[in-house]
């Protein structure tokens, strides 16, 4: 991963609300959560939440999809893993024994979703 992109990702996470939202989305897995559910869980008004979601999205850490009238947000696990890999690439002398990765699809908990294309 490019150092500038890593800095953008870390910068987006360097705020308590955005970090809480990101962690909530990581817990939710690949299906993510609706904006309303995120706002309810975090306790933010929708206008404030929109700002924080845009920052995370602009950094590439989360994705957005529309289902009918609702917006759903989910962690981009590939980007998250790239950031972790960049931060730890020289850990333990570049040994693969300590290379972190998060693959929720490997646990069998991911629910397949159908995405509509325009």
PDB file of N, CA and C in Angstrom:
ATOM      1  N   UNK A   1       0.841  -1.173   0.000  1.00  0.00           N
ATOM      2  CA  UNK A   1       0.000   0.000   0.000  1.00  0.00           C
ATOM      3  C   UNK A   1       0.887   1.237   0.000  1.00  0.00           C
ATOM      4  N   UNK A   2       0.466   2.201  -0.732  1.00  0.00           N
ATOM      5  CA  UNK A   2       1.169   3.476  -0.816  1.00  0.00           C
ATOM      6  C   UNK A   2       1.141   4.187   0.544  1.00  0.00           C
ATOM      7  N   UNK A   3       2.270   4.745   0.996  1.00  0.00           N
ATOM      8  CA  UNK A   3       2.284   5.441   2.296  1.00  0.00           C
ATOM      9  C   UNK A   3       1.254   6.570   2.389  1.00  0.00           C
ATOM     10  N   UNK A   4       1.013   7.277   1.312  1.00  0.00           N
ATOM     11  CA  UNK A   4       0.027   8.371   1.353  1.00  0.00           C
ATOM     12  C   UNK A   4      -1.379   7.844   1.598  1.00  0.00           C
ATOM     13  N   UNK A   5      -1.682   6.715   0.991  1.00  0.00           N
ATOM     14  CA  UNK A   5      -3.010   6.129   1.198  1.00  0.00           C
ATOM     15  C   UNK A   5      -3.146   5.624   2.631  1.00  0.00           C
ATOM     16  N   UNK A   6      -2.072   5.062   3.165  1.00  0.00           N
ATOM     17  CA  UNK A   6      -2.095   4.614   4.554  1.00  0.00           C
ATOM     18  C   UNK A   6      -2.321   5.789   5.485  1.00  0.00           C
ATOM     19  N   UNK A   7      -1.659   6.904   5.214  1.00  0.00           N
ATOM     20  CA  UNK A   7      -1.834   8.101   6.034  1.00  0.00           C
ATOM     21  C   UNK A   7      -3.281   8.597   5.956  1.00  0.00           C
ATOM     22  N   UNK A   8      -3.875   8.556   4.779  1.00  0.00           N
ATOM     23  CA  UNK A   8      -5.273   8.970   4.628  1.00  0.00           C
ATOM     24  C   UNK A   8      -6.196   8.074   5.453  1.00  0.00           C
ATOM     25  N   UNK A   9      -5.944   6.785   5.421  1.00  0.00           N
ATOM     26  CA  UNK A   9      -6.763   5.851   6.200  1.00  0.00           C
ATOM     27  C   UNK A   9      -6.595   6.090   7.696  1.00  0.00           C
ATOM     28  N   UNK A  10      -5.364   6.221   8.132  1.00  0.00           N
ATOM     29  CA  UNK A  10      -5.122   6.454   9.552  1.00  0.00           C
ATOM     30  C   UNK A  10      -5.675   7.802   9.994  1.00  0.00           C
ATOM     31  N   UNK A  11      -5.579   8.797   9.120  1.00  0.00           N
ATOM     32  CA  UNK A  11      -6.139  10.108   9.435  1.00  0.00           C
ATOM     33  C   UNK A  11      -7.646  10.041   9.602  1.00  0.00           C
ATOM     34  N   UNK A  12      -8.302   9.265   8.759  1.00  0.00           N
ATOM     35  CA  UNK A  12      -9.756   9.120   8.869  1.00  0.00           C
ATOM     36  C   UNK A  12     -10.146   8.435  10.173  1.00  0.00           C
ATOM     37  N   UNK A  13      -9.299   7.536  10.646  1.00  0.00           N
ATOM     38  CA  UNK A  13      -9.582   6.813  11.890  1.00  0.00           C
ATOM     39  C   UNK A  13      -9.158   7.591  13.137  1.00  0.00           C
ATOM     40  N   UNK A  14      -8.483   8.703  12.950  1.00  0.00           N
ATOM     41  CA  UNK A  14      -7.936   9.473  14.069  1.00  0.00           C
ATOM     42  C   UNK A  14      -8.977  10.416  14.674  1.00  0.00           C
ATOM     43  N   UNK A  15     -10.176   9.935  14.812  1.00  0.00           N
ATOM     44  CA  UNK A  15     -11.257  10.687  15.437  1.00  0.00           C
ATOM     45  C   UNK A  15     -12.122   9.681  16.184  1.00  0.00           C
ATOM     46  N   UNK A  16     -12.480   9.993  17.401  1.00  0.00           N
ATOM     47  CA  UNK A  16     -13.179   9.009  18.227  1.00  0.00           C
ATOM     48  C   UNK A  16     -14.490   8.517  17.608  1.00  0.00           C
ATOM     49  N   UNK A  17     -15.255   9.397  16.999  1.00  0.00           N
ATOM     50  CA  UNK A  17     -16.519   8.977  16.384  1.00  0.00           C
ATOM     51  C   UNK A  17     -16.270   8.090  15.175  1.00  0.00           C
ATOM     52  N   UNK A  18     -15.351   8.484  14.302  1.00  0.00           N
ATOM     53  CA  UNK A  18     -15.075   7.670  13.105  1.00  0.00           C
ATOM     54  C   UNK A  18     -14.489   6.317  13.492  1.00  0.00           C
ATOM     55  N   UNK A  19     -13.650   6.299  14.502  1.00  0.00           N
ATOM     56  CA  UNK A  19     -13.092   5.023  14.957  1.00  0.00           C
ATOM     57  C   UNK A  19     -14.205   4.128  15.493  1.00  0.00           C
ATOM     58  N   UNK A  20     -15.143   4.701  16.248  1.00  0.00           N
ATOM     59  CA  UNK A  20     -16.268   3.920  16.766  1.00  0.00           C
ATOM     60  C   UNK A  20     -17.138   3.386  15.636  1.00  0.00           C
ATOM     61  N   UNK A  21     -17.400   4.210  14.635  1.00  0.00           N
ATOM     62  CA  UNK A  21     -18.199   3.776  13.482  1.00  0.00           C
ATOM     63  C   UNK A  21     -17.476   2.661  12.736  1.00  0.00           C
ATOM     64  N   UNK A  22     -16.188   2.842  12.505  1.00  0.00           N
ATOM     65  CA  UNK A  22     -15.426   1.828  11.780  1.00  0.00           C
ATOM     66  C   UNK A  22     -15.424   0.505  12.539  1.00  0.00           C
ATOM     67  N   UNK A  23     -15.207   0.555  13.833  1.00  0.00           N
ATOM     68  CA  UNK A  23     -15.195  -0.677  14.634  1.00  0.00           C
ATOM     69  C   UNK A  23     -16.568  -1.353  14.617  1.00  0.00           C
ATOM     70  N   UNK A  24     -17.623  -0.555  14.655  1.00  0.00           N
ATOM     71  CA  UNK A  24     -18.978  -1.104  14.579  1.00  0.00           C
ATOM     72  C   UNK A  24     -19.182  -1.811  13.237  1.00  0.00           C
ATOM     73  N   UNK A  25     -18.711  -1.200  12.158  1.00  0.00           N
ATOM     74  CA  UNK A  25     -18.852  -1.809  10.842  1.00  0.00           C
ATOM     75  C   UNK A  25     -17.994  -3.066  10.700  1.00  0.00           C
ATOM     76  N   UNK A  26     -16.833  -3.090  11.325  1.00  0.00           N
ATOM     77  CA  UNK A  26     -16.013  -4.304  11.315  1.00  0.00           C
ATOM     78  C   UNK A  26     -16.781  -5.428  12.012  1.00  0.00           C
ATOM     79  N   UNK A  27     -17.394  -5.121  13.147  1.00  0.00           N
ATOM     80  CA  UNK A  27     -18.183  -6.125  13.874  1.00  0.00           C
ATOM     81  C   UNK A  27     -19.369  -6.608  13.053  1.00  0.00           C
ATOM     82  N   UNK A  28     -19.964  -5.714  12.268  1.00  0.00           N
ATOM     83  CA  UNK A  28     -21.140  -6.078  11.469  1.00  0.00           C
ATOM     84  C   UNK A  28     -20.795  -7.029  10.335  1.00  0.00           C
ATOM     85  N   UNK A  29     -19.536  -7.049   9.919  1.00  0.00           N
ATOM     86  CA  UNK A  29     -19.131  -7.951   8.847  1.00  0.00           C
ATOM     87  C   UNK A  29     -19.394  -7.380   7.470  1.00  0.00           C
ATOM     88  N   UNK A  30     -19.272  -8.207   6.446  1.00  0.00           N
ATOM     89  CA  UNK A  30     -19.356  -7.738   5.071  1.00  0.00           C
ATOM     90  C   UNK A  30     -20.715  -7.170   4.662  1.00  0.00           C
ATOM     91  N   UNK A  31     -21.778  -7.520   5.360  1.00  0.00           N
ATOM     92  CA  UNK A  31     -23.093  -6.996   5.015  1.00  0.00           C
ATOM     93  C   UNK A  31     -23.275  -5.557   5.479  1.00  0.00           C
ATOM     94  N   UNK A  32     -22.524  -5.161   6.483  1.00  0.00           N
ATOM     95  CA  UNK A  32     -22.593  -3.797   6.969  1.00  0.00           C
ATOM     96  C   UNK A  32     -23.880  -3.487   7.697  1.00  0.00           C
ATOM     97  N   UNK A  33     -24.147  -2.189   7.830  1.00  0.00           N
ATOM     98  CA  UNK A  33     -25.324  -1.711   8.549  1.00  0.00           C
ATOM     99  C   UNK A  33     -25.929  -0.531   7.807  1.00  0.00           C
ATOM    100  N   UNK A  34     -27.209  -0.319   8.037  1.00  0.00           N
ATOM    101  CA  UNK A  34     -27.850   0.858   7.467  1.00  0.00           C
ATOM    102  C   UNK A  34     -27.373   2.100   8.214  1.00  0.00           C
ATOM    103  N   UNK A  35     -27.460   3.240   7.542  1.00  0.00           N
ATOM    104  CA  UNK A  35     -27.059   4.489   8.172  1.00  0.00           C
ATOM    105  C   UNK A  35     -27.884   4.746   9.427  1.00  0.00           C
ATOM    106  N   UNK A  36     -29.160   4.416   9.381  1.00  0.00           N
ATOM    107  CA  UNK A  36     -30.022   4.604  10.547  1.00  0.00           C
ATOM    108  C   UNK A  36     -29.591   3.767  11.731  1.00  0.00           C
ATOM    109  N   UNK A  37     -29.214   2.525  11.474  1.00  0.00           N
ATOM    110  CA  UNK A  37     -28.763   1.635  12.554  1.00  0.00           C
ATOM    111  C   UNK A  37     -27.440   2.132  13.138  1.00  0.00           C
ATOM    112  N   UNK A  38     -26.550   2.622  12.281  1.00  0.00           N
ATOM    113  CA  UNK A  38     -25.275   3.168  12.768  1.00  0.00           C
ATOM    114  C   UNK A  38     -25.544   4.371  13.660  1.00  0.00           C
ATOM    115  N   UNK A  39     -26.401   5.286  13.196  1.00  0.00           N
ATOM    116  CA  UNK A  39     -26.715   6.493  13.972  1.00  0.00           C
ATOM    117  C   UNK A  39     -27.336   6.124  15.315  1.00  0.00           C
ATOM    118  N   UNK A  40     -28.236   5.161  15.290  1.00  0.00           N
ATOM    119  CA  UNK A  40     -28.896   4.720  16.525  1.00  0.00           C
ATOM    120  C   UNK A  40     -27.902   4.109  17.501  1.00  0.00           C
ATOM    121  N   UNK A  41     -27.024   3.263  16.998  1.00  0.00           N
ATOM    122  CA  UNK A  41     -26.065   2.563  17.849  1.00  0.00           C
ATOM    123  C   UNK A  41     -25.012   3.516  18.420  1.00  0.00           C
ATOM    124  N   UNK A  42     -24.501   4.406  17.581  1.00  0.00           N
ATOM    125  CA  UNK A  42     -23.454   5.340  18.010  1.00  0.00           C
ATOM    126  C   UNK A  42     -24.051   6.509  18.787  1.00  0.00           C
ATOM    127  N   UNK A  43     -25.320   6.846  18.504  1.00  0.00           N
ATOM    128  CA  UNK A  43     -25.966   7.956  19.179  1.00  0.00           C
ATOM    129  C   UNK A  43     -25.642   9.307  18.564  1.00  0.00           C
ATOM    130  N   UNK A  44     -25.616   9.337  17.240  1.00  0.00           N
ATOM    131  CA  UNK A  44     -25.321  10.576  16.515  1.00  0.00           C
ATOM    132  C   UNK A  44     -26.514  11.024  15.695  1.00  0.00           C
ATOM    133  N   UNK A  45     -26.693  12.331  15.542  1.00  0.00           N
ATOM    134  CA  UNK A  45     -27.715  12.795  14.597  1.00  0.00           C
ATOM    135  C   UNK A  45     -27.274  12.464  13.168  1.00  0.00           C
ATOM    136  N   UNK A  46     -28.225  12.201  12.286  1.00  0.00           N
ATOM    137  CA  UNK A  46     -27.881  11.807  10.910  1.00  0.00           C
ATOM    138  C   UNK A  46     -26.934  12.772  10.197  1.00  0.00           C
ATOM    139  N   UNK A  47     -27.089  14.071  10.393  1.00  0.00           N
ATOM    140  CA  UNK A  47     -26.218  15.019   9.687  1.00  0.00           C
ATOM    141  C   UNK A  47     -24.764  14.880  10.126  1.00  0.00           C
ATOM    142  N   UNK A  48     -24.537  14.656  11.404  1.00  0.00           N
ATOM    143  CA  UNK A  48     -23.162  14.456  11.888  1.00  0.00           C
ATOM    144  C   UNK A  48     -22.603  13.131  11.394  1.00  0.00           C
ATOM    145  N   UNK A  49     -23.441  12.113  11.405  1.00  0.00           N
ATOM    146  CA  UNK A  49     -22.995  10.796  10.947  1.00  0.00           C
ATOM    147  C   UNK A  49     -22.586  10.848   9.487  1.00  0.00           C
ATOM    148  N   UNK A  50     -23.345  11.556   8.667  1.00  0.00           N
ATOM    149  CA  UNK A  50     -23.033  11.660   7.242  1.00  0.00           C
ATOM    150  C   UNK A  50     -21.627  12.190   7.027  1.00  0.00           C
ATOM    151  N   UNK A  51     -21.247  13.210   7.768  1.00  0.00           N
ATOM    152  CA  UNK A  51     -19.905  13.774   7.654  1.00  0.00           C
ATOM    153  C   UNK A  51     -18.849  12.713   7.954  1.00  0.00           C
ATOM    154  N   UNK A  52     -19.027  11.973   9.024  1.00  0.00           N
ATOM    155  CA  UNK A  52     -18.031  10.966   9.421  1.00  0.00           C
ATOM    156  C   UNK A  52     -17.985   9.800   8.432  1.00  0.00           C
ATOM    157  N   UNK A  53     -19.142   9.394   7.946  1.00  0.00           N
ATOM    158  CA  UNK A  53     -19.168   8.318   6.943  1.00  0.00           C
ATOM    159  C   UNK A  53     -18.475   8.748   5.656  1.00  0.00           C
ATOM    160  N   UNK A  54     -18.648  10.009   5.269  1.00  0.00           N
ATOM    161  CA  UNK A  54     -17.974  10.514   4.068  1.00  0.00           C
ATOM    162  C   UNK A  54     -16.454  10.488   4.236  1.00  0.00           C
ATOM    163  N   UNK A  55     -15.970  10.815   5.422  1.00  0.00           N
ATOM    164  CA  UNK A  55     -14.527  10.797   5.666  1.00  0.00           C
ATOM    165  C   UNK A  55     -13.977   9.374   5.553  1.00  0.00           C
ATOM    166  N   UNK A  56     -14.683   8.427   6.127  1.00  0.00           N
ATOM    167  CA  UNK A  56     -14.248   7.025   6.047  1.00  0.00           C
ATOM    168  C   UNK A  56     -14.333   6.500   4.615  1.00  0.00           C
ATOM    169  N   UNK A  57     -15.373   6.896   3.915  1.00  0.00           N
ATOM    170  CA  UNK A  57     -15.545   6.475   2.532  1.00  0.00           C
ATOM    171  C   UNK A  57     -14.471   7.086   1.633  1.00  0.00           C
ATOM    172  N   UNK A  58     -14.199   8.359   1.821  1.00  0.00           N
ATOM    173  CA  UNK A  58     -13.181   9.042   1.019  1.00  0.00           C
ATOM    174  C   UNK A  58     -11.797   8.394   1.217  1.00  0.00           C
ATOM    175  N   UNK A  59     -11.528   7.920   2.416  1.00  0.00           N
ATOM    176  CA  UNK A  59     -10.262   7.235   2.691  1.00  0.00           C
ATOM    177  C   UNK A  59     -10.249   5.820   2.110  1.00  0.00           C
ATOM    178  N   UNK A  60     -11.409   5.320   1.698  1.00  0.00           N
ATOM    179  CA  UNK A  60     -11.487   3.985   1.104  1.00  0.00           C
ATOM    180  C   UNK A  60     -11.709   2.882   2.114  1.00  0.00           C
ATOM    181  N   UNK A  61     -11.974   3.233   3.365  1.00  0.00           N
ATOM    182  CA  UNK A  61     -12.126   2.228   4.411  1.00  0.00           C
ATOM    183  C   UNK A  61     -13.495   1.558   4.429  1.00  0.00           C
ATOM    184  N   UNK A  62     -14.496   2.237   3.880  1.00  0.00           N
ATOM    185  CA  UNK A  62     -15.833   1.669   3.876  1.00  0.00           C
ATOM    186  C   UNK A  62     -16.454   1.819   2.485  1.00  0.00           C
ATOM    187  N   UNK A  63     -17.450   1.002   2.236  1.00  0.00           N
ATOM    188  CA  UNK A  63     -18.200   1.072   0.986  1.00  0.00           C
ATOM    189  C   UNK A  63     -19.637   1.458   1.309  1.00  0.00           C
ATOM    190  N   UNK A  64     -20.334   1.922   0.294  1.00  0.00           N
ATOM    191  CA  UNK A  64     -21.728   2.324   0.448  1.00  0.00           C
ATOM    192  C   UNK A  64     -22.538   1.648  -0.647  1.00  0.00           C
ATOM    193  N   UNK A  65     -23.709   1.183  -0.281  1.00  0.00           N
ATOM    194  CA  UNK A  65     -24.615   0.634  -1.281  1.00  0.00           C
ATOM    195  C   UNK A  65     -26.040   1.041  -0.918  1.00  0.00           C
ATOM    196  N   UNK A  66     -26.841   1.197  -1.927  1.00  0.00           N
ATOM    197  CA  UNK A  66     -28.237   1.584  -1.730  1.00  0.00           C
ATOM    198  C   UNK A  66     -29.115   0.347  -1.915  1.00  0.00           C
ATOM    199  N   UNK A  67     -30.009   0.153  -0.976  1.00  0.00           N
ATOM    200  CA  UNK A  67     -31.017  -0.893  -1.068  1.00  0.00           C
ATOM    201  C   UNK A  67     -32.349  -0.192  -0.879  1.00  0.00           C
ATOM    202  N   UNK A  68     -33.073  -0.085  -1.971  1.00  0.00           N
ATOM    203  CA  UNK A  68     -34.325   0.662  -1.985  1.00  0.00           C
ATOM    204  C   UNK A  68     -34.053   2.101  -1.555  1.00  0.00           C
ATOM    205  N   UNK A  69     -34.594   2.528  -0.430  1.00  0.00           N
ATOM    206  CA  UNK A  69     -34.402   3.904   0.012  1.00  0.00           C
ATOM    207  C   UNK A  69     -33.339   4.028   1.095  1.00  0.00           C
ATOM    208  N   UNK A  70     -32.717   2.931   1.478  1.00  0.00           N
ATOM    209  CA  UNK A  70     -31.736   2.956   2.553  1.00  0.00           C
ATOM    210  C   UNK A  70     -30.315   2.867   2.021  1.00  0.00           C
ATOM    211  N   UNK A  71     -29.409   3.539   2.733  1.00  0.00           N
ATOM    212  CA  UNK A  71     -27.985   3.415   2.440  1.00  0.00           C
ATOM    213  C   UNK A  71     -27.360   2.483   3.465  1.00  0.00           C
ATOM    214  N   UNK A  72     -26.594   1.527   2.962  1.00  0.00           N
ATOM    215  CA  UNK A  72     -25.877   0.597   3.822  1.00  0.00           C
ATOM    216  C   UNK A  72     -24.385   0.847   3.670  1.00  0.00           C
ATOM    217  N   UNK A  73     -23.684   0.761   4.783  1.00  0.00           N
ATOM    218  CA  UNK A  73     -22.242   0.962   4.794  1.00  0.00           C
ATOM    219  C   UNK A  73     -21.582  -0.301   5.325  1.00  0.00           C
ATOM    220  N   UNK A  74     -20.435  -0.635   4.750  1.00  0.00           N
ATOM    221  CA  UNK A  74     -19.701  -1.828   5.170  1.00  0.00           C
ATOM    222  C   UNK A  74     -18.206  -1.551   5.105  1.00  0.00           C
ATOM    223  N   UNK A  75     -17.476  -2.248   5.929  1.00  0.00           N
ATOM    224  CA  UNK A  75     -16.025  -2.157   5.915  1.00  0.00           C
ATOM    225  C   UNK A  75     -15.486  -2.745   4.622  1.00  0.00           C
ATOM    226  N   UNK A  76     -14.506  -2.093   4.035  1.00  0.00           N
ATOM    227  CA  UNK A  76     -13.778  -2.682   2.911  1.00  0.00           C
ATOM    228  C   UNK A  76     -12.618  -3.447   3.539  1.00  0.00           C
ATOM    229  N   UNK A  77     -12.829  -4.736   3.761  1.00  0.00           N
ATOM    230  CA  UNK A  77     -11.843  -5.542   4.473  1.00  0.00           C
ATOM    231  C   UNK A  77     -10.524  -5.649   3.720  1.00  0.00           C
ATOM    232  N   UNK A  78     -10.556  -5.570   2.410  1.00  0.00           N
ATOM    233  CA  UNK A  78      -9.310  -5.619   1.632  1.00  0.00           C
ATOM    234  C   UNK A  78      -8.444  -4.408   1.969  1.00  0.00           C
ATOM    235  N   UNK A  79      -9.056  -3.232   2.033  1.00  0.00           N
ATOM    236  CA  UNK A  79      -8.297  -2.022   2.369  1.00  0.00           C
ATOM    237  C   UNK A  79      -7.823  -2.091   3.818  1.00  0.00           C
ATOM    238  N   UNK A  80      -8.695  -2.529   4.718  1.00  0.00           N
ATOM    239  CA  UNK A  80      -8.293  -2.659   6.118  1.00  0.00           C
ATOM    240  C   UNK A  80      -7.074  -3.580   6.247  1.00  0.00           C
ATOM    241  N   UNK A  81      -7.118  -4.695   5.534  1.00  0.00           N
ATOM    242  CA  UNK A  81      -6.001  -5.637   5.590  1.00  0.00           C
ATOM    243  C   UNK A  81      -4.744  -5.054   4.957  1.00  0.00           C
ATOM    244  N   UNK A  82      -4.896  -4.228   3.921  1.00  0.00           N
ATOM    245  CA  UNK A  82      -3.732  -3.572   3.324  1.00  0.00           C
ATOM    246  C   UNK A  82      -3.070  -2.624   4.323  1.00  0.00           C
ATOM    247  N   UNK A  83      -3.881  -1.876   5.060  1.00  0.00           N
ATOM    248  CA  UNK A  83      -3.338  -0.966   6.070  1.00  0.00           C
ATOM    249  C   UNK A  83      -2.599  -1.762   7.140  1.00  0.00           C
ATOM    250  N   UNK A  84      -3.221  -2.831   7.629  1.00  0.00           N
ATOM    251  CA  UNK A  84      -2.577  -3.663   8.647  1.00  0.00           C
ATOM    252  C   UNK A  84      -1.287  -4.287   8.115  1.00  0.00           C
ATOM    253  N   UNK A  85      -1.319  -4.748   6.890  1.00  0.00           N
ATOM    254  CA  UNK A  85      -0.128  -5.352   6.295  1.00  0.00           C
ATOM    255  C   UNK A  85       0.990  -4.323   6.160  1.00  0.00           C
ATOM    256  N   UNK A  86       0.646  -3.112   5.737  1.00  0.00           N
ATOM    257  CA  UNK A  86       1.650  -2.054   5.601  1.00  0.00           C
ATOM    258  C   UNK A  86       2.273  -1.740   6.960  1.00  0.00           C
ATOM    259  N   UNK A  87       1.442  -1.650   7.978  1.00  0.00           N
ATOM    260  CA  UNK A  87       1.939  -1.301   9.307  1.00  0.00           C
ATOM    261  C   UNK A  87       2.795  -2.398   9.923  1.00  0.00           C
ATOM    262  N   UNK A  88       2.563  -3.624   9.518  1.00  0.00           N
ATOM    263  CA  UNK A  88       3.261  -4.745  10.146  1.00  0.00           C
ATOM    264  C   UNK A  88       4.187  -5.498   9.192  1.00  0.00           C
ATOM    265  N   UNK A  89       4.468  -4.940   8.018  1.00  0.00           N
ATOM    266  CA  UNK A  89       5.233  -5.704   7.033  1.00  0.00           C
ATOM    267  C   UNK A  89       6.628  -6.076   7.510  1.00  0.00           C
ATOM    268  N   UNK A  90       7.193  -5.331   8.424  1.00  0.00           N
ATOM    269  CA  UNK A  90       8.522  -5.675   8.934  1.00  0.00           C
ATOM    270  C   UNK A  90       8.469  -6.247  10.339  1.00  0.00           C
ATOM    271  N   UNK A  91       7.286  -6.570  10.797  1.00  0.00           N
ATOM    272  CA  UNK A  91       7.110  -7.164  12.119  1.00  0.00           C
ATOM    273  C   UNK A  91       7.805  -8.531  12.154  1.00  0.00           C
ATOM    274  N   UNK A  92       8.488  -8.805  13.207  1.00  0.00           N
ATOM    275  CA  UNK A  92       9.172 -10.094  13.386  1.00  0.00           C
ATOM    276  C   UNK A  92      10.115 -10.395  12.224  1.00  0.00           C
ATOM    277  N   UNK A  93      10.734  -9.380  11.669  1.00  0.00           N
ATOM    278  CA  UNK A  93      11.655  -9.583  10.557  1.00  0.00           C
ATOM    279  C   UNK A  93      10.959 -10.055   9.302  1.00  0.00           C
ATOM    280  N   UNK A  94       9.733  -9.605   9.078  1.00  0.00           N
ATOM    281  CA  UNK A  94       8.922  -9.947   7.902  1.00  0.00           C
ATOM    282  C   UNK A  94       8.494 -11.406   7.888  1.00  0.00           C
ATOM    283  N   UNK A  95       8.409 -12.011   9.063  1.00  0.00           N
ATOM    284  CA  UNK A  95       7.943 -13.389   9.172  1.00  0.00           C
ATOM    285  C   UNK A  95       6.451 -13.454   8.886  1.00  0.00           C
ATOM    286  N   UNK A  96       6.010 -14.482   8.202  1.00  0.00           N
ATOM    287  CA  UNK A  96       4.581 -14.621   7.917  1.00  0.00           C
ATOM    288  C   UNK A  96       3.807 -15.098   9.136  1.00  0.00           C
ATOM    289  N   UNK A  97       4.516 -15.498  10.181  1.00  0.00           N
ATOM    290  CA  UNK A  97       3.846 -16.009  11.372  1.00  0.00           C
ATOM    291  C   UNK A  97       3.003 -14.954  12.063  1.00  0.00           C
ATOM    292  N   UNK A  98       3.321 -13.686  11.879  1.00  0.00           N
ATOM    293  CA  UNK A  98       2.551 -12.657  12.581  1.00  0.00           C
ATOM    294  C   UNK A  98       1.826 -11.720  11.623  1.00  0.00           C
ATOM    295  N   UNK A  99       1.611 -12.164  10.395  1.00  0.00           N
ATOM    296  CA  UNK A  99       0.908 -11.322   9.420  1.00  0.00           C
ATOM    297  C   UNK A  99      -0.590 -11.336   9.725  1.00  0.00           C
ATOM    298  N   UNK A 100      -1.159 -10.155  10.057  1.00  0.00           N
ATOM    299  CA  UNK A 100      -2.593 -10.126  10.379  1.00  0.00           C
ATOM    300  C   UNK A 100      -3.448 -10.111   9.115  1.00  0.00           C
ATOM    301  N   UNK A 101      -4.621 -10.652   9.244  1.00  0.00           N
ATOM    302  CA  UNK A 101      -5.598 -10.586   8.158  1.00  0.00           C
ATOM    303  C   UNK A 101      -6.967 -10.849   8.742  1.00  0.00           C
ATOM    304  N   UNK A 102      -7.934 -10.159   8.232  1.00  0.00           N
ATOM    305  CA  UNK A 102      -9.310 -10.354   8.658  1.00  0.00           C
ATOM    306  C   UNK A 102     -10.096 -10.822   7.449  1.00  0.00           C
ATOM    307  N   UNK A 103     -10.603 -12.014   7.524  1.00  0.00           N
ATOM    308  CA  UNK A 103     -11.367 -12.571   6.413  1.00  0.00           C
ATOM    309  C   UNK A 103     -12.700 -13.096   6.933  1.00  0.00           C
ATOM    310  N   UNK A 104     -13.691 -12.213   7.072  1.00  0.00           N
ATOM    311  CA  UNK A 104     -14.971 -12.672   7.621  1.00  0.00           C
ATOM    312  C   UNK A 104     -15.658 -13.714   6.758  1.00  0.00           C
ATOM    313  N   UNK A 105     -15.382 -13.686   5.450  1.00  0.00           N
ATOM    314  CA  UNK A 105     -16.014 -14.683   4.586  1.00  0.00           C
ATOM    315  C   UNK A 105     -15.507 -16.085   4.882  1.00  0.00           C
ATOM    316  N   UNK A 106     -14.327 -16.201   5.478  1.00  0.00           N
ATOM    317  CA  UNK A 106     -13.758 -17.507   5.788  1.00  0.00           C
ATOM    318  C   UNK A 106     -14.468 -18.166   6.974  1.00  0.00           C
ATOM    319  N   UNK A 107     -15.157 -17.374   7.803  1.00  0.00           N
ATOM    320  CA  UNK A 107     -15.839 -17.934   8.969  1.00  0.00           C
ATOM    321  C   UNK A 107     -17.192 -18.519   8.634  1.00  0.00           C
ATOM    322  N   UNK A 108     -17.684 -18.197   7.436  1.00  0.00           N
ATOM    323  CA  UNK A 108     -18.995 -18.690   7.035  1.00  0.00           C
ATOM    324  C   UNK A 108     -20.142 -17.857   7.582  1.00  0.00           C
ATOM    325  N   UNK A 109     -19.837 -16.703   8.197  1.00  0.00           N
ATOM    326  CA  UNK A 109     -20.890 -15.864   8.764  1.00  0.00           C
ATOM    327  C   UNK A 109     -21.405 -14.837   7.790  1.00  0.00           C
ATOM    328  N   UNK A 110     -20.709 -14.642   6.694  1.00  0.00           N
ATOM    329  CA  UNK A 110     -21.133 -13.628   5.731  1.00  0.00           C
ATOM    330  C   UNK A 110     -22.391 -14.093   5.013  1.00  0.00           C
ATOM    331  N   UNK A 111     -23.323 -13.176   4.887  1.00  0.00           N
ATOM    332  CA  UNK A 111     -24.551 -13.470   4.169  1.00  0.00           C
ATOM    333  C   UNK A 111     -24.404 -12.911   2.762  1.00  0.00           C
ATOM    334  N   UNK A 112     -24.543 -13.746   1.760  1.00  0.00           N
ATOM    335  CA  UNK A 112     -24.402 -13.234   0.383  1.00  0.00           C
ATOM    336  C   UNK A 112     -25.465 -12.159   0.109  1.00  0.00           C
ATOM    337  N   UNK A 113     -25.059 -11.120  -0.562  1.00  0.00           N
ATOM    338  CA  UNK A 113     -26.006 -10.073  -0.916  1.00  0.00           C
ATOM    339  C   UNK A 113     -26.052  -9.940  -2.425  1.00  0.00           C
ATOM    340  N   UNK A 114     -27.200  -9.544  -2.897  1.00  0.00           N
ATOM    341  CA  UNK A 114     -27.368  -9.302  -4.316  1.00  0.00           C
ATOM    342  C   UNK A 114     -27.249  -7.820  -4.544  1.00  0.00           C
ATOM    343  N   UNK A 115     -26.320  -7.423  -5.387  1.00  0.00           N
ATOM    344  CA  UNK A 115     -26.131  -6.014  -5.667  1.00  0.00           C
ATOM    345  C   UNK A 115     -26.718  -5.708  -7.018  1.00  0.00           C
ATOM    346  N   UNK A 116     -27.490  -4.620  -7.047  1.00  0.00           N
ATOM    347  CA  UNK A 116     -28.098  -4.189  -8.291  1.00  0.00           C
ATOM    348  C   UNK A 116     -27.158  -3.253  -9.014  1.00  0.00           C
ATOM    349  N   UNK A 117     -27.094  -3.408 -10.301  1.00  0.00           N
ATOM    350  CA  UNK A 117     -26.291  -2.489 -11.101  1.00  0.00           C
ATOM    351  C   UNK A 117     -27.219  -1.643 -11.931  1.00  0.00           C
ATOM    352  N   UNK A 118     -26.782  -0.406 -12.141  1.00  0.00           N
ATOM    353  CA  UNK A 118     -27.628   0.509 -12.894  1.00  0.00           C
ATOM    354  C   UNK A 118     -27.507   0.268 -14.375  1.00  0.00           C
TER     355      UNK A 118
END
